[in-house]
PDB file of N, CA and C in Angstrom:
ATOM      1  N   MET A   1       0.973  -1.548  -0.097  1.00  0.00           N
ATOM      2  CA  MET A   1      -0.209  -0.096  -0.141  1.00  0.00           C
ATOM      3  C   MET A   1       1.243   1.049   0.060  1.00  0.00           C
ATOM      4  N   ARG A   2       1.649   1.618   0.579  1.00  0.00           N
ATOM      5  CA  ARG A   2       2.685   2.450   1.148  1.00  0.00           C
ATOM      6  C   ARG A   2       3.403   3.017  -0.290  1.00  0.00           C
ATOM      7  N   ARG A   3       3.751   1.567  -1.042  1.00  0.00           N
ATOM      8  CA  ARG A   3       4.951   1.340  -2.319  1.00  0.00           C
ATOM      9  C   ARG A   3       3.971   2.203  -3.454  1.00  0.00           C
ATOM     10  N   THR A   4       2.627   1.743  -3.167  1.00  0.00           N
ATOM     11  CA  THR A   4       1.678   2.385  -4.321  1.00  0.00           C
ATOM     12  C   THR A   4       1.199   3.629  -3.925  1.00  0.00           C
ATOM     13  N   MET A   5       1.291   4.029  -2.604  1.00  0.00           N
ATOM     14  CA  MET A   5       0.923   5.449  -2.625  1.00  0.00           C
ATOM     15  C   MET A   5       2.295   6.241  -3.139  1.00  0.00           C
ATOM     16  N   LEU A   6       3.419   5.814  -2.560  1.00  0.00           N
ATOM     17  CA  LEU A   6       4.507   6.434  -3.520  1.00  0.00           C
ATOM     18  C   LEU A   6       4.921   6.489  -5.061  1.00  0.00           C
ATOM     19  N   LEU A   7       4.678   5.717  -5.373  1.00  0.00           N
ATOM     20  CA  LEU A   7       4.453   5.058  -7.213  1.00  0.00           C
ATOM     21  C   LEU A   7       3.695   6.449  -7.663  1.00  0.00           C
ATOM     22  N   THR A   8       2.294   6.128  -6.922  1.00  0.00           N
ATOM     23  CA  THR A   8       1.318   7.458  -7.388  1.00  0.00           C
ATOM     24  C   THR A   8       1.637   8.736  -7.064  1.00  0.00           C
ATOM     25  N   GLU A   9       2.265   9.239  -5.947  1.00  0.00           N
ATOM     26  CA  GLU A   9       2.887  10.404  -5.359  1.00  0.00           C
ATOM     27  C   GLU A   9       4.156  10.562  -6.785  1.00  0.00           C
ATOM     28  N   GLU A  10       4.756  10.494  -6.832  1.00  0.00           N
ATOM     29  CA  GLU A  10       5.901   9.979  -7.850  1.00  0.00           C
ATOM     30  C   GLU A  10       5.479  10.364  -9.485  1.00  0.00           C
ATOM     31  N   GLY A  11       4.187   9.361  -9.809  1.00  0.00           N
ATOM     32  CA  GLY A  11       3.896   9.552 -11.165  1.00  0.00           C
ATOM     33  C   GLY A  11       3.333  11.217 -10.990  1.00  0.00           C
ATOM     34  N   GLU A  12       2.391  11.451 -10.197  1.00  0.00           N
ATOM     35  CA  GLU A  12       1.673  12.648 -10.229  1.00  0.00           C
ATOM     36  C   GLU A  12       2.754  13.856 -10.347  1.00  0.00           C
ATOM     37  N   ARG A  13       3.946  13.973  -9.438  1.00  0.00           N
ATOM     38  CA  ARG A  13       5.146  14.749  -9.287  1.00  0.00           C
ATOM     39  C   ARG A  13       5.482  14.599 -11.009  1.00  0.00           C
ATOM     40  N   ARG A  14       5.945  13.594 -11.815  1.00  0.00           N
ATOM     41  CA  ARG A  14       6.380  13.562 -12.750  1.00  0.00           C
ATOM     42  C   ARG A  14       5.365  14.089 -13.874  1.00  0.00           C
ATOM     43  N   GLY A  15       4.017  14.027 -13.882  1.00  0.00           N
ATOM     44  CA  GLY A  15       2.742  14.234 -14.537  1.00  0.00           C
ATOM     45  C   GLY A  15       3.140  15.574 -14.350  1.00  0.00           C
ATOM     46  N   ALA A  16       2.960  16.522 -13.719  1.00  0.00           N
ATOM     47  CA  ALA A  16       2.937  18.073 -13.387  1.00  0.00           C
ATOM     48  C   ALA A  16       4.590  18.589 -14.058  1.00  0.00           C
ATOM     49  N   GLU A  17       5.110  18.021 -13.954  1.00  0.00           N
ATOM     50  CA  GLU A  17       6.855  18.504 -14.584  1.00  0.00           C
ATOM     51  C   GLU A  17       6.546  18.260 -15.849  1.00  0.00           C
ATOM     52  N   ILE A  18       6.010  17.473 -16.555  1.00  0.00           N
ATOM     53  CA  ILE A  18       5.793  17.222 -17.912  1.00  0.00           C
ATOM     54  C   ILE A  18       4.765  18.523 -18.258  1.00  0.00           C
ATOM     55  N   GLU A  19       4.004  18.420 -17.536  1.00  0.00           N
ATOM     56  CA  GLU A  19       2.851  19.500 -18.275  1.00  0.00           C
ATOM     57  C   GLU A  19       3.485  21.305 -18.102  1.00  0.00           C
ATOM     58  N   ARG A  20       4.772  21.050 -17.064  1.00  0.00           N
ATOM     59  CA  ARG A  20       5.363  22.635 -16.889  1.00  0.00           C
ATOM     60  C   ARG A  20       6.192  22.735 -17.997  1.00  0.00           C
ATOM     61  N   VAL A  21       6.904  21.841 -18.296  1.00  0.00           N
ATOM     62  CA  VAL A  21       7.675  21.563 -19.679  1.00  0.00           C
ATOM     63  C   VAL A  21       7.124  21.771 -20.880  1.00  0.00           C
ATOM     64  N   ARG A  22       5.895  21.232 -21.094  1.00  0.00           N
ATOM     65  CA  ARG A  22       5.124  21.642 -22.379  1.00  0.00           C
ATOM     66  C   ARG A  22       4.833  23.173 -22.204  1.00  0.00           C
ATOM     67  N   ALA A  23       3.988  23.309 -21.184  1.00  0.00           N
ATOM     68  CA  ALA A  23       3.313  24.651 -21.368  1.00  0.00           C
ATOM     69  C   ALA A  23       5.061  25.872 -21.724  1.00  0.00           C
ATOM     70  N   LYS A  24       5.797  25.251 -20.918  1.00  0.00           N
ATOM     71  CA  LYS A  24       7.216  26.429 -21.287  1.00  0.00           C
ATOM     72  C   LYS A  24       7.682  26.145 -22.713  1.00  0.00           C
ATOM     73  N   VAL A  25       7.918  24.997 -23.457  1.00  0.00           N
ATOM     74  CA  VAL A  25       8.096  24.512 -24.529  1.00  0.00           C
ATOM     75  C   VAL A  25       7.303  25.440 -25.650  1.00  0.00           C
ATOM     76  N   GLY A  26       6.175  25.342 -25.343  1.00  0.00           N
ATOM     77  CA  GLY A  26       4.950  26.244 -26.008  1.00  0.00           C
ATOM     78  C   GLY A  26       4.776  27.668 -25.920  1.00  0.00           C
ATOM     79  N   GLU A  27       5.457  27.666 -24.751  1.00  0.00           N
ATOM     80  CA  GLU A  27       5.195  29.587 -24.718  1.00  0.00           C
ATOM     81  C   GLU A  27       6.775  30.052 -25.816  1.00  0.00           C
ATOM     82  N   LEU A  28       7.774  29.094 -25.584  1.00  0.00           N
ATOM     83  CA  LEU A  28       8.897  29.640 -26.712  1.00  0.00           C
ATOM     84  C   LEU A  28       8.891  29.790 -27.841  1.00  0.00           C
ATOM     85  N   SER A  29       8.207  28.369 -28.060  1.00  0.00           N
ATOM     86  CA  SER A  29       7.964  28.379 -29.070  1.00  0.00           C
ATOM     87  C   SER A  29       7.445  29.044 -29.963  1.00  0.00           C
ATOM     88  N   LYS A  30       5.994  29.893 -29.380  1.00  0.00           N
ATOM     89  CA  LYS A  30       5.213  31.010 -29.911  1.00  0.00           C
ATOM     90  C   LYS A  30       6.661  31.984 -30.022  1.00  0.00           C
ATOM     91  N   ALA A  31       7.159  32.173 -29.415  1.00  0.00           N
ATOM     92  CA  ALA A  31       7.871  33.673 -29.134  1.00  0.00           C
ATOM     93  C   ALA A  31       9.049  33.415 -29.992  1.00  0.00           C
ATOM     94  N   LEU A  32       9.469  32.052 -30.483  1.00  0.00           N
ATOM     95  CA  LEU A  32      10.808  31.982 -31.394  1.00  0.00           C
ATOM     96  C   LEU A  32       9.666  31.899 -33.066  1.00  0.00           C
ATOM     97  N   GLY A  33       8.619  31.728 -33.070  1.00  0.00           N
ATOM     98  CA  GLY A  33       8.204  31.412 -34.225  1.00  0.00           C
ATOM     99  C   GLY A  33       8.827  30.577 -35.210  1.00  0.00           C
ATOM    100  N   LYS A  34       8.452  30.276 -36.190  1.00  0.00           N
ATOM    101  CA  LYS A  34       9.380  29.346 -37.064  1.00  0.00           C
ATOM    102  C   LYS A  34      10.027  30.362 -37.949  1.00  0.00           C
ATOM    103  N   MET A  35      10.979  29.692 -38.478  1.00  0.00           N
ATOM    104  CA  MET A  35      12.161  31.052 -39.175  1.00  0.00           C
ATOM    105  C   MET A  35      11.271  31.248 -40.520  1.00  0.00           C
ATOM    106  N   ASP A  36      11.090  32.226 -40.422  1.00  0.00           N
ATOM    107  CA  ASP A  36      10.452  32.868 -42.087  1.00  0.00           C
ATOM    108  C   ASP A  36      11.311  33.597 -42.921  1.00  0.00           C
ATOM    109  N   GLU A  37      10.772  33.407 -44.230  1.00  0.00           N
ATOM    110  CA  GLU A  37      11.750  33.810 -44.968  1.00  0.00           C
ATOM    111  C   GLU A  37      12.220  35.223 -44.959  1.00  0.00           C
ATOM    112  N   HIS A  38      11.395  36.045 -44.634  1.00  0.00           N
ATOM    113  CA  HIS A  38      11.552  37.839 -43.712  1.00  0.00           C
ATOM    114  C   HIS A  38      12.549  37.744 -42.941  1.00  0.00           C
ATOM    115  N   LEU A  39      13.066  36.824 -42.207  1.00  0.00           N
ATOM    116  CA  LEU A  39      14.183  36.857 -41.373  1.00  0.00           C
ATOM    117  C   LEU A  39      15.201  36.694 -42.201  1.00  0.00           C
ATOM    118  N   LEU A  40      15.621  36.434 -43.550  1.00  0.00           N
ATOM    119  CA  LEU A  40      16.936  35.840 -44.309  1.00  0.00           C
ATOM    120  C   LEU A  40      17.337  36.817 -45.757  1.00  0.00           C
ATOM    121  N   CYS A  41      18.034  37.568 -45.259  1.00  0.00           N
ATOM    122  CA  CYS A  41      18.494  38.610 -46.657  1.00  0.00           C
ATOM    123  C   CYS A  41      18.591  37.367 -47.801  1.00  0.00           C
ATOM    124  N   PRO A  42      17.681  38.380 -48.838  1.00  0.00           N
ATOM    125  CA  PRO A  42      18.008  37.624 -49.688  1.00  0.00           C
ATOM    126  C   PRO A  42      19.296  37.730 -50.790  1.00  0.00           C
ATOM    127  N   ILE A  43      20.252  38.173 -50.377  1.00  0.00           N
ATOM    128  CA  ILE A  43      21.158  38.082 -51.110  1.00  0.00           C
ATOM    129  C   ILE A  43      22.516  36.778 -50.640  1.00  0.00           C
ATOM    130  N   THR A  44      21.920  37.007 -49.114  1.00  0.00           N
ATOM    131  CA  THR A  44      23.169  36.098 -48.440  1.00  0.00           C
ATOM    132  C   THR A  44      22.420  35.038 -48.196  1.00  0.00           C
ATOM    133  N   ARG A  45      20.906  34.774 -48.053  1.00  0.00           N
ATOM    134  CA  ARG A  45      20.110  33.646 -47.519  1.00  0.00           C
ATOM    135  C   ARG A  45      20.308  33.161 -46.222  1.00  0.00           C
ATOM    136  N   CYS A  46      20.937  34.379 -45.390  1.00  0.00           N
ATOM    137  CA  CYS A  46      21.284  34.151 -43.847  1.00  0.00           C
ATOM    138  C   CYS A  46      20.163  34.976 -42.542  1.00  0.00           C
ATOM    139  N   VAL A  47      20.269  34.620 -41.799  1.00  0.00           N
ATOM    140  CA  VAL A  47      19.382  35.074 -41.266  1.00  0.00           C
ATOM    141  C   VAL A  47      20.332  36.940 -40.797  1.00  0.00           C
ATOM    142  N   PHE A  48      19.448  37.950 -41.026  1.00  0.00           N
ATOM    143  CA  PHE A  48      20.041  39.459 -40.628  1.00  0.00           C
ATOM    144  C   PHE A  48      20.554  39.469 -39.440  1.00  0.00           C
ATOM    145  N   GLU A  49      21.592  40.011 -39.710  1.00  0.00           N
ATOM    146  CA  GLU A  49      22.625  41.117 -38.415  1.00  0.00           C
ATOM    147  C   GLU A  49      22.193  42.206 -38.515  1.00  0.00           C
ATOM    148  N   ASP A  50      22.125  42.824 -39.348  1.00  0.00           N
ATOM    149  CA  ASP A  50      22.186  44.282 -39.766  1.00  0.00           C
ATOM    150  C   ASP A  50      21.661  44.841 -40.407  1.00  0.00           C
ATOM    151  N   PRO A  51      19.931  44.357 -40.713  1.00  0.00           N
ATOM    152  CA  PRO A  51      19.315  44.850 -41.935  1.00  0.00           C
ATOM    153  C   PRO A  51      18.877  46.125 -42.231  1.00  0.00           C
ATOM    154  N   VAL A  52      18.936  46.388 -43.065  1.00  0.00           N
ATOM    155  CA  VAL A  52      18.890  47.505 -44.077  1.00  0.00           C
ATOM    156  C   VAL A  52      17.479  47.789 -45.198  1.00  0.00           C
ATOM    157  N   ILE A  53      16.402  48.629 -45.215  1.00  0.00           N
ATOM    158  CA  ILE A  53      15.745  48.595 -46.317  1.00  0.00           C
ATOM    159  C   ILE A  53      16.575  49.382 -47.622  1.00  0.00           C
ATOM    160  N   LEU A  54      16.053  49.274 -48.773  1.00  0.00           N
ATOM    161  CA  LEU A  54      16.765  49.746 -49.808  1.00  0.00           C
ATOM    162  C   LEU A  54      15.296  50.352 -50.127  1.00  0.00           C
ATOM    163  N   GLU A  55      15.546  51.384 -51.331  1.00  0.00           N
ATOM    164  CA  GLU A  55      14.238  52.003 -51.630  1.00  0.00           C
ATOM    165  C   GLU A  55      13.232  51.027 -52.612  1.00  0.00           C
ATOM    166  N   ASP A  56      13.938  50.107 -52.828  1.00  0.00           N
ATOM    167  CA  ASP A  56      12.711  48.804 -53.294  1.00  0.00           C
ATOM    168  C   ASP A  56      12.040  48.458 -52.700  1.00  0.00           C
ATOM    169  N   GLY A  57      12.172  48.597 -51.029  1.00  0.00           N
ATOM    170  CA  GLY A  57      11.071  48.158 -50.330  1.00  0.00           C
ATOM    171  C   GLY A  57      11.776  47.145 -49.440  1.00  0.00           C
ATOM    172  N   PHE A  58      12.739  46.272 -49.879  1.00  0.00           N
ATOM    173  CA  PHE A  58      13.254  45.116 -49.991  1.00  0.00           C
ATOM    174  C   PHE A  58      14.272  45.766 -48.587  1.00  0.00           C
ATOM    175  N   THR A  59      14.657  44.303 -47.844  1.00  0.00           N
ATOM    176  CA  THR A  59      15.499  44.141 -46.438  1.00  0.00           C
ATOM    177  C   THR A  59      16.277  43.547 -46.967  1.00  0.00           C
ATOM    178  N   TYR A  60      17.818  44.230 -46.438  1.00  0.00           N
ATOM    179  CA  TYR A  60      19.050  43.581 -46.846  1.00  0.00           C
ATOM    180  C   TYR A  60      19.872  43.762 -45.883  1.00  0.00           C
ATOM    181  N   GLU A  61      21.041  42.581 -45.720  1.00  0.00           N
ATOM    182  CA  GLU A  61      21.677  42.441 -44.948  1.00  0.00           C
ATOM    183  C   GLU A  61      23.165  43.693 -45.501  1.00  0.00           C
ATOM    184  N   ARG A  62      23.507  44.917 -44.553  1.00  0.00           N
ATOM    185  CA  ARG A  62      23.298  45.821 -44.810  1.00  0.00           C
ATOM    186  C   ARG A  62      25.328  45.576 -45.592  1.00  0.00           C
ATOM    187  N   ASP A  63      25.789  44.629 -45.095  1.00  0.00           N
ATOM    188  CA  ASP A  63      27.237  44.686 -45.800  1.00  0.00           C
ATOM    189  C   ASP A  63      27.201  43.768 -47.220  1.00  0.00           C
ATOM    190  N   ALA A  64      25.895  43.176 -47.598  1.00  0.00           N
ATOM    191  CA  ALA A  64      25.923  42.536 -48.501  1.00  0.00           C
ATOM    192  C   ALA A  64      25.142  43.407 -49.384  1.00  0.00           C
ATOM    193  N   ILE A  65      24.422  44.539 -49.034  1.00  0.00           N
ATOM    194  CA  ILE A  65      23.737  45.564 -50.267  1.00  0.00           C
ATOM    195  C   ILE A  65      24.874  46.829 -50.380  1.00  0.00           C
ATOM    196  N   GLU A  66      25.637  46.765 -49.476  1.00  0.00           N
ATOM    197  CA  GLU A  66      26.517  47.424 -49.819  1.00  0.00           C
ATOM    198  C   GLU A  66      27.529  46.825 -50.723  1.00  0.00           C
ATOM    199  N   ARG A  67      27.770  46.099 -50.601  1.00  0.00           N
ATOM    200  CA  ARG A  67      28.965  45.054 -52.069  1.00  0.00           C
ATOM    201  C   ARG A  67      28.350  45.507 -53.283  1.00  0.00           C
ATOM    202  N   TRP A  68      27.074  44.905 -53.225  1.00  0.00           N
ATOM    203  CA  TRP A  68      25.892  44.766 -54.156  1.00  0.00           C
ATOM    204  C   TRP A  68      26.219  46.113 -55.466  1.00  0.00           C
ATOM    205  N   LEU A  69      25.654  47.132 -54.341  1.00  0.00           N
ATOM    206  CA  LEU A  69      25.119  48.399 -54.792  1.00  0.00           C
ATOM    207  C   LEU A  69      26.949  49.318 -55.131  1.00  0.00           C
ATOM    208  N   ALA A  70      27.863  48.822 -54.682  1.00  0.00           N
ATOM    209  CA  ALA A  70      29.152  49.157 -55.467  1.00  0.00           C
ATOM    210  C   ALA A  70      29.711  48.828 -57.033  1.00  0.00           C
ATOM    211  N   SER A  71      28.871  47.717 -57.626  1.00  0.00           N
ATOM    212  CA  SER A  71      28.723  47.885 -58.665  1.00  0.00           C
ATOM    213  C   SER A  71      27.912  47.421 -59.477  1.00  0.00           C
ATOM    214  N   ASN A  72      26.449  47.689 -58.766  1.00  0.00           N
ATOM    215  CA  ASN A  72      24.947  47.526 -59.740  1.00  0.00           C
ATOM    216  C   ASN A  72      24.349  49.012 -59.242  1.00  0.00           C
ATOM    217  N   ASN A  73      23.285  49.075 -59.899  1.00  0.00           N
ATOM    218  CA  ASN A  73      22.784  50.589 -59.957  1.00  0.00           C
ATOM    219  C   ASN A  73      21.208  49.734 -60.028  1.00  0.00           C
ATOM    220  N   ARG A  74      20.921  48.730 -60.034  1.00  0.00           N
ATOM    221  CA  ARG A  74      19.607  48.077 -60.005  1.00  0.00           C
ATOM    222  C   ARG A  74      19.378  47.255 -58.918  1.00  0.00           C
ATOM    223  N   SER A  75      18.415  46.826 -58.142  1.00  0.00           N
ATOM    224  CA  SER A  75      17.759  46.033 -57.003  1.00  0.00           C
ATOM    225  C   SER A  75      17.907  44.466 -57.742  1.00  0.00           C
ATOM    226  N   PRO A  76      18.469  44.360 -56.247  1.00  0.00           N
ATOM    227  CA  PRO A  76      18.706  42.872 -56.629  1.00  0.00           C
ATOM    228  C   PRO A  76      17.012  41.946 -56.333  1.00  0.00           C
ATOM    229  N   SER A  77      16.463  42.438 -56.009  1.00  0.00           N
ATOM    230  CA  SER A  77      15.298  41.432 -55.814  1.00  0.00           C
ATOM    231  C   SER A  77      14.081  41.881 -56.977  1.00  0.00           C
ATOM    232  N   THR A  78      14.247  43.341 -57.569  1.00  0.00           N
ATOM    233  CA  THR A  78      13.037  43.423 -58.687  1.00  0.00           C
ATOM    234  C   THR A  78      14.169  43.625 -60.115  1.00  0.00           C
ATOM    235  N   ASN A  79      15.435  44.252 -59.847  1.00  0.00           N
ATOM    236  CA  ASN A  79      15.906  44.517 -61.291  1.00  0.00           C
ATOM    237  C   ASN A  79      15.660  45.645 -61.510  1.00  0.00           C
ATOM    238  N   ALA A  80      14.714  46.224 -61.034  1.00  0.00           N
ATOM    239  CA  ALA A  80      14.568  47.582 -61.150  1.00  0.00           C
ATOM    240  C   ALA A  80      15.512  49.156 -61.543  1.00  0.00           C
ATOM    241  N   VAL A  81      15.920  49.832 -61.815  1.00  0.00           N
ATOM    242  CA  VAL A  81      16.794  50.939 -61.653  1.00  0.00           C
ATOM    243  C   VAL A  81      16.570  51.191 -60.616  1.00  0.00           C
ATOM    244  N   LEU A  82      17.551  51.695 -59.473  1.00  0.00           N
ATOM    245  CA  LEU A  82      17.251  52.519 -58.682  1.00  0.00           C
ATOM    246  C   LEU A  82      17.908  53.811 -58.740  1.00  0.00           C
ATOM    247  N   ARG A  83      16.933  54.894 -57.812  1.00  0.00           N
ATOM    248  CA  ARG A  83      16.687  55.985 -58.367  1.00  0.00           C
ATOM    249  C   ARG A  83      17.985  56.323 -56.922  1.00  0.00           C
ATOM    250  N   SER A  84      18.196  55.879 -56.037  1.00  0.00           N
ATOM    251  CA  SER A  84      18.969  56.273 -54.525  1.00  0.00           C
ATOM    252  C   SER A  84      19.659  55.243 -54.316  1.00  0.00           C
ATOM    253  N   LYS A  85      20.657  55.254 -53.564  1.00  0.00           N
ATOM    254  CA  LYS A  85      21.106  53.632 -53.103  1.00  0.00           C
ATOM    255  C   LYS A  85      21.468  53.969 -51.801  1.00  0.00           C
ATOM    256  N   ALA A  86      20.732  55.166 -51.215  1.00  0.00           N
ATOM    257  CA  ALA A  86      20.659  55.187 -49.867  1.00  0.00           C
ATOM    258  C   ALA A  86      19.848  54.144 -48.881  1.00  0.00           C
ATOM    259  N   VAL A  87      20.897  53.563 -47.923  1.00  0.00           N
ATOM    260  CA  VAL A  87      19.777  52.332 -47.129  1.00  0.00           C
ATOM    261  C   VAL A  87      19.456  52.831 -45.942  1.00  0.00           C
ATOM    262  N   VAL A  88      18.796  52.569 -44.894  1.00  0.00           N
ATOM    263  CA  VAL A  88      18.123  52.840 -43.884  1.00  0.00           C
ATOM    264  C   VAL A  88      17.764  51.919 -42.890  1.00  0.00           C
ATOM    265  N   SER A  89      18.369  51.819 -41.729  1.00  0.00           N
ATOM    266  CA  SER A  89      18.168  50.544 -40.517  1.00  0.00           C
ATOM    267  C   SER A  89      16.828  50.143 -40.308  1.00  0.00           C
ATOM    268  N   ASN A  90      16.790  48.671 -40.536  1.00  0.00           N
ATOM    269  CA  ASN A  90      15.014  48.341 -40.072  1.00  0.00           C
ATOM    270  C   ASN A  90      15.442  47.919 -39.011  1.00  0.00           C
ATOM    271  N   ILE A  91      15.209  48.345 -37.858  1.00  0.00           N
ATOM    272  CA  ILE A  91      15.101  48.586 -36.275  1.00  0.00           C
ATOM    273  C   ILE A  91      14.112  47.737 -36.247  1.00  0.00           C
ATOM    274  N   ALA A  92      12.984  47.759 -36.645  1.00  0.00           N
ATOM    275  CA  ALA A  92      11.814  46.637 -36.284  1.00  0.00           C
ATOM    276  C   ALA A  92      12.359  45.212 -36.014  1.00  0.00           C
ATOM    277  N   LEU A  93      12.774  45.347 -37.317  1.00  0.00           N
ATOM    278  CA  LEU A  93      13.210  43.603 -37.673  1.00  0.00           C
ATOM    279  C   LEU A  93      14.441  43.301 -37.084  1.00  0.00           C
ATOM    280  N   ARG A  94      15.292  44.115 -36.964  1.00  0.00           N
ATOM    281  CA  ARG A  94      16.676  43.685 -36.059  1.00  0.00           C
ATOM    282  C   ARG A  94      15.809  43.530 -34.946  1.00  0.00           C
ATOM    283  N   GLN A  95      15.184  44.676 -34.318  1.00  0.00           N
ATOM    284  CA  GLN A  95      14.604  44.123 -32.798  1.00  0.00           C
ATOM    285  C   GLN A  95      13.614  42.328 -32.692  1.00  0.00           C
ATOM    286  N   GLN A  96      12.905  42.095 -33.610  1.00  0.00           N
ATOM    287  CA  GLN A  96      11.900  41.093 -33.621  1.00  0.00           C
ATOM    288  C   GLN A  96      13.308  39.785 -33.703  1.00  0.00           C
ATOM    289  N   ILE A  97      14.502  39.933 -34.831  1.00  0.00           N
ATOM    290  CA  ILE A  97      15.465  38.575 -34.505  1.00  0.00           C
ATOM    291  C   ILE A  97      15.726  38.753 -33.390  1.00  0.00           C
ATOM    292  N   GLN A  98      16.704  39.679 -32.478  1.00  0.00           N
ATOM    293  CA  GLN A  98      16.837  39.783 -31.392  1.00  0.00           C
ATOM    294  C   GLN A  98      15.788  39.011 -30.206  1.00  0.00           C
ATOM    295  N   GLY A  99      15.027  39.214 -30.538  1.00  0.00           N
ATOM    296  CA  GLY A  99      13.668  38.793 -29.855  1.00  0.00           C
ATOM    297  C   GLY A  99      13.863  36.891 -29.497  1.00  0.00           C
ATOM    298  N   ALA A 100      13.651  36.795 -31.239  1.00  0.00           N
ATOM    299  CA  ALA A 100      13.589  35.260 -31.286  1.00  0.00           C
ATOM    300  C   ALA A 100      15.098  34.721 -30.808  1.00  0.00           C
ATOM    301  N   VAL A 101      16.401  35.400 -31.066  1.00  0.00           N
ATOM    302  CA  VAL A 101      17.707  34.953 -30.423  1.00  0.00           C
ATOM    303  C   VAL A 101      17.704  34.696 -28.466  1.00  0.00           C
ATOM    304  N   GLN A 102      17.235  35.619 -28.628  1.00  0.00           N
ATOM    305  CA  GLN A 102      16.672  35.776 -26.558  1.00  0.00           C
ATOM    306  C   GLN A 102      15.749  34.327 -26.151  1.00  0.00           C
ATOM    307  N   ALA A 103      14.831  34.812 -27.256  1.00  0.00           N
ATOM    308  CA  ALA A 103      13.912  33.112 -26.896  1.00  0.00           C
ATOM    309  C   ALA A 103      14.528  31.979 -27.342  1.00  0.00           C
ATOM    310  N   GLY A 104      15.309  31.823 -28.075  1.00  0.00           N
ATOM    311  CA  GLY A 104      16.285  30.487 -28.351  1.00  0.00           C
ATOM    312  C   GLY A 104      17.056  30.306 -27.138  1.00  0.00           C
ATOM    313  N   ARG A 105      17.707  31.052 -26.593  1.00  0.00           N
ATOM    314  CA  ARG A 105      19.144  31.273 -25.558  1.00  0.00           C
ATOM    315  C   ARG A 105      18.125  30.722 -24.754  1.00  0.00           C
ATOM    316  N   SER A 106      16.852  31.392 -24.279  1.00  0.00           N
ATOM    317  CA  SER A 106      15.929  30.927 -22.989  1.00  0.00           C
ATOM    318  C   SER A 106      15.734  29.713 -23.326  1.00  0.00           C
ATOM    319  N   LEU A 107      15.508  28.755 -24.231  1.00  0.00           N
ATOM    320  CA  LEU A 107      14.827  27.574 -24.850  1.00  0.00           C
ATOM    321  C   LEU A 107      16.090  26.824 -24.620  1.00  0.00           C
ATOM    322  N   GLU A 108      16.841  26.743 -24.749  1.00  0.00           N
ATOM    323  CA  GLU A 108      18.326  25.885 -24.420  1.00  0.00           C
ATOM    324  C   GLU A 108      18.413  25.730 -23.216  1.00  0.00           C
ATOM    325  N   LYS A 109      18.435  27.149 -22.215  1.00  0.00           N
ATOM    326  CA  LYS A 109      19.020  27.160 -20.679  1.00  0.00           C
ATOM    327  C   LYS A 109      17.799  26.467 -20.171  1.00  0.00           C
ATOM    328  N   PHE A 110      16.670  26.479 -20.650  1.00  0.00           N
ATOM    329  CA  PHE A 110      15.868  25.669 -19.726  1.00  0.00           C
ATOM    330  C   PHE A 110      16.024  24.339 -20.164  1.00  0.00           C
ATOM    331  N   LEU A 111      16.170  23.853 -21.460  1.00  0.00           N
ATOM    332  CA  LEU A 111      16.393  22.257 -21.548  1.00  0.00           C
ATOM    333  C   LEU A 111      17.584  21.762 -20.949  1.00  0.00           C
ATOM    334  N   GLU A 112      18.516  22.391 -20.981  1.00  0.00           N
ATOM    335  CA  GLU A 112      19.922  21.987 -20.115  1.00  0.00           C
ATOM    336  C   GLU A 112      18.967  22.023 -18.604  1.00  0.00           C
ATOM    337  N   ASP A 113      18.267  23.035 -17.933  1.00  0.00           N
ATOM    338  CA  ASP A 113      18.299  22.782 -16.898  1.00  0.00           C
ATOM    339  C   ASP A 113      17.415  21.514 -16.256  1.00  0.00           C
ATOM    340  N   ILE A 114      16.195  21.432 -17.196  1.00  0.00           N
ATOM    341  CA  ILE A 114      15.518  20.305 -17.036  1.00  0.00           C
ATOM    342  C   ILE A 114      16.329  19.120 -16.933  1.00  0.00           C
ATOM    343  N   GLY A 115      17.415  19.271 -18.147  1.00  0.00           N
ATOM    344  CA  GLY A 115      17.900  17.833 -18.601  1.00  0.00           C
ATOM    345  C   GLY A 115      19.442  17.254 -17.225  1.00  0.00           C
ATOM    346  N   GLY A 116      19.406  18.328 -16.346  1.00  0.00           N
ATOM    347  CA  GLY A 116      20.431  18.118 -15.582  1.00  0.00           C
ATOM    348  C   GLY A 116      19.594  17.562 -14.336  1.00  0.00           C
ATOM    349  N   SER A 117      18.159  17.708 -14.405  1.00  0.00           N
ATOM    350  CA  SER A 117      18.049  17.815 -12.568  1.00  0.00           C
ATOM    351  C   SER A 117      17.126  16.078 -12.540  1.00  0.00           C
TER     352      SER A 117
END
């Protein structure tokens, strides 16, 4: 009888822990979202570090578009002639990416913490 009670308590404790893990993973997954195309530079196909907007309305990685513009006067996305080669920081996208990175780090830490217990 005592053994059955202990096993039941252990099962309930583990069940509660599993639900806690599921809830946390679900919360962090929402924060991370899936890796959308808009988080990738159309030139490098890498996640933005320093996203900038060009007059064509598209966002590019700063280094990649500056290299492109050094020898091109057309949009790499539309091939339209650019009237201006000015770039503007895409602060909102940078903040979104930083939030996703932080959520990813939180998820990694959480999984490490529960893995060690």
